[in-house]
Each structure stands twice: as C-alpha cells, then as structure tokens.
Amino acid sequence: MKFLIEENAKIDIKLAISWLAKKIHPTAARTKILTIINDVKNQLIVHPNSGTKCQFDFKGKYREIIKNDYRTIYKLDRSKREITIILFCHTRMNFQTLLSQSNIYNKDNH
C-alpha cells in the first residue's frame, strides 16, 4: 500500500505541532505528532480497514483512527493500493466544522 498525505492534512499536522509547542518544547511537540502519524501509517499499511467509519461521512468513503487524542481521517483506494490522509486534528476540535472546511464533501473522491 502507498501512503499519502493531502496538502490540507500536511497543514493540519503543522498546526497540531504549533499548538502542542505552546505546552511543551517545540522539538518534543514535533516528535510527538510525527510519532502519531507514523503509528497511524504503520497500522494502516498492515490493517487498512482498522479505522472506524467516519461519523459524518454519509458516502462511506472515509474512515478515522484516534491515537493519543488526535483524529486522523483517511480514505482507502484498494484499486490504486493507496491510503490517503485527508485530515488530522486534536479530538477536542469541532470535527464537523473541520470536515466542511476541508471540502471533503466537494471532492471527486472515487
């Protein structure tokens, strides 16, 4: 499986690092967030369906995994053998608003 991260999700990851760096040393914040991303990647490559169906995804195209208080939204394309991270955020963030801001429903994701 190929593991991809959309540009918007890359921005989400940078924002998560910035916010966490307000509480802990910036290097530790970066390490913690990147470790979570790598854990998600390793889990999905071995078990692509291990996430649960995304709560607000009415088309059933997206799944989510929560690790260490962070939510990762991804889509699985078996025909292309790709796993793509769509969104990454802290679980306290307003999830439905983040989905609408990410244009997840306006994309032509087949």
Protein backbone atom coordinates (compact mmCIF):
# COMPACT_ATOMS: atom_id res chain seq x y z
CA MET A 1 0.00 0.00 0.00
CA LYS A 2 1.13 3.50 -0.83
CA PHE A 3 0.70 6.05 2.00
CA LEU A 4 -0.11 9.65 1.01
CA ILE A 5 -0.91 12.83 2.92
CA GLU A 6 -3.03 15.51 1.23
CA GLU A 7 -1.73 19.09 1.30
CA ASN A 8 -4.53 20.22 3.65
CA ALA A 9 -3.65 17.40 6.05
CA LYS A 10 0.00 18.49 5.97
CA ILE A 11 -1.17 21.93 7.07
CA ASP A 12 -3.28 20.28 9.81
CA ILE A 13 -0.18 18.43 11.04
CA LYS A 14 1.88 21.64 11.15
CA LEU A 15 -0.91 23.37 13.08
CA ALA A 16 -1.08 20.49 15.56
CA ILE A 17 2.67 20.78 16.14
CA SER A 18 2.38 24.55 16.62
CA TRP A 19 -0.45 24.24 19.14
CA LEU A 20 1.28 21.48 21.09
CA ALA A 21 4.50 23.53 21.09
CA LYS A 22 2.67 26.08 23.25
CA LYS A 23 2.57 23.47 26.03
CA ILE A 24 5.79 21.53 25.53
CA HIS A 25 9.17 22.18 23.89
CA PRO A 26 8.80 22.58 20.09
CA THR A 27 11.14 19.67 19.36
CA ALA A 28 9.14 17.40 21.67
CA ALA A 29 5.89 18.60 20.08
CA ARG A 30 7.15 17.81 16.59
CA THR A 31 8.43 14.40 17.68
CA LYS A 32 5.13 13.54 19.39
CA ILE A 33 2.95 14.48 16.39
CA LEU A 34 5.20 12.79 13.85
CA THR A 35 5.29 9.66 16.02
CA ILE A 36 1.48 9.59 15.99
CA ILE A 37 1.46 9.97 12.19
CA ASN A 38 3.99 7.13 11.84
CA ASP A 39 1.98 4.91 14.19
CA VAL A 40 -1.14 5.55 12.10
CA LYS A 41 0.80 4.86 8.90
CA ASN A 42 2.19 1.57 10.21
CA GLN A 43 -1.21 0.46 11.46
CA LEU A 44 -2.97 1.29 8.19
CA ILE A 45 -0.39 -0.34 5.97
CA VAL A 46 -0.83 -3.60 7.89
CA HIS A 47 -4.58 -3.24 8.59
CA PRO A 48 -6.12 -0.70 6.16
CA ASN A 49 -9.67 -1.18 7.49
CA SER A 50 -8.71 -0.86 11.16
CA GLY A 51 -10.21 2.62 11.42
CA THR A 52 -13.92 3.11 12.03
CA LYS A 53 -16.36 4.58 9.54
CA CYS A 54 -16.16 8.38 9.67
CA GLN A 55 -19.12 9.65 11.70
CA PHE A 56 -20.12 12.50 9.36
CA ASP A 57 -19.23 10.84 6.06
CA PHE A 58 -22.55 9.91 4.52
CA LYS A 59 -20.99 8.42 1.39
CA GLY A 60 -18.96 5.89 3.38
CA LYS A 61 -15.67 6.78 1.68
CA TYR A 62 -13.72 7.86 4.75
CA ARG A 63 -12.53 6.18 7.91
CA GLU A 64 -11.00 7.54 11.11
CA ILE A 65 -8.45 6.50 13.68
CA ILE A 66 -7.93 8.14 17.06
CA LYS A 67 -4.48 7.86 18.64
CA ASN A 68 -3.22 9.83 21.64
CA ASP A 69 -6.08 12.38 21.46
CA TYR A 70 -5.56 13.01 17.73
CA ARG A 71 -8.03 12.09 14.98
CA THR A 72 -6.81 11.03 11.55
CA ILE A 73 -9.33 10.88 8.69
CA TYR A 74 -8.28 8.79 5.71
CA LYS A 75 -9.60 7.22 2.56
CA LEU A 76 -8.67 3.83 1.24
CA ASP A 77 -8.47 3.21 -2.50
CA ARG A 78 -7.92 -0.50 -2.99
CA SER A 79 -7.80 -0.28 -6.79
CA LYS A 80 -4.84 2.15 -6.60
CA ARG A 81 -3.49 0.49 -3.44
CA GLU A 82 -3.41 3.89 -1.73
CA ILE A 83 -4.17 5.17 1.74
CA THR A 84 -4.57 8.95 1.81
CA ILE A 85 -4.71 11.07 4.97
CA ILE A 86 -7.37 13.74 4.46
CA LEU A 87 -7.49 15.46 7.86
CA PHE A 88 -5.55 15.45 11.15
CA CYS A 89 -6.71 17.22 14.31
CA HIS A 90 -6.95 17.06 18.09
CA THR A 91 -10.09 15.27 19.27
CA ARG A 92 -11.28 18.41 21.08
CA MET A 93 -11.61 20.33 17.83
CA ASN A 94 -15.04 20.72 16.26
CA PHE A 95 -14.87 17.75 13.94
CA GLN A 96 -17.89 18.52 11.75
CA THR A 97 -16.65 22.08 11.08
CA LEU A 98 -13.20 20.76 10.14
CA LEU A 99 -14.74 18.33 7.67
CA SER A 100 -16.75 21.06 5.98
CA GLN A 101 -13.70 23.35 5.84
CA SER A 102 -11.63 20.60 4.25
CA ASN A 103 -14.10 20.41 1.33
CA ILE A 104 -14.29 16.68 1.92
CA TYR A 105 -17.82 16.59 0.51
CA ASN A 106 -16.99 18.63 -2.59
CA LYS A 107 -14.09 16.48 -3.77
CA ASP A 108 -14.46 13.97 -6.53
CA ASN A 109 -13.10 11.09 -4.45
CA HIS A 110 -13.93 7.83 -6.18
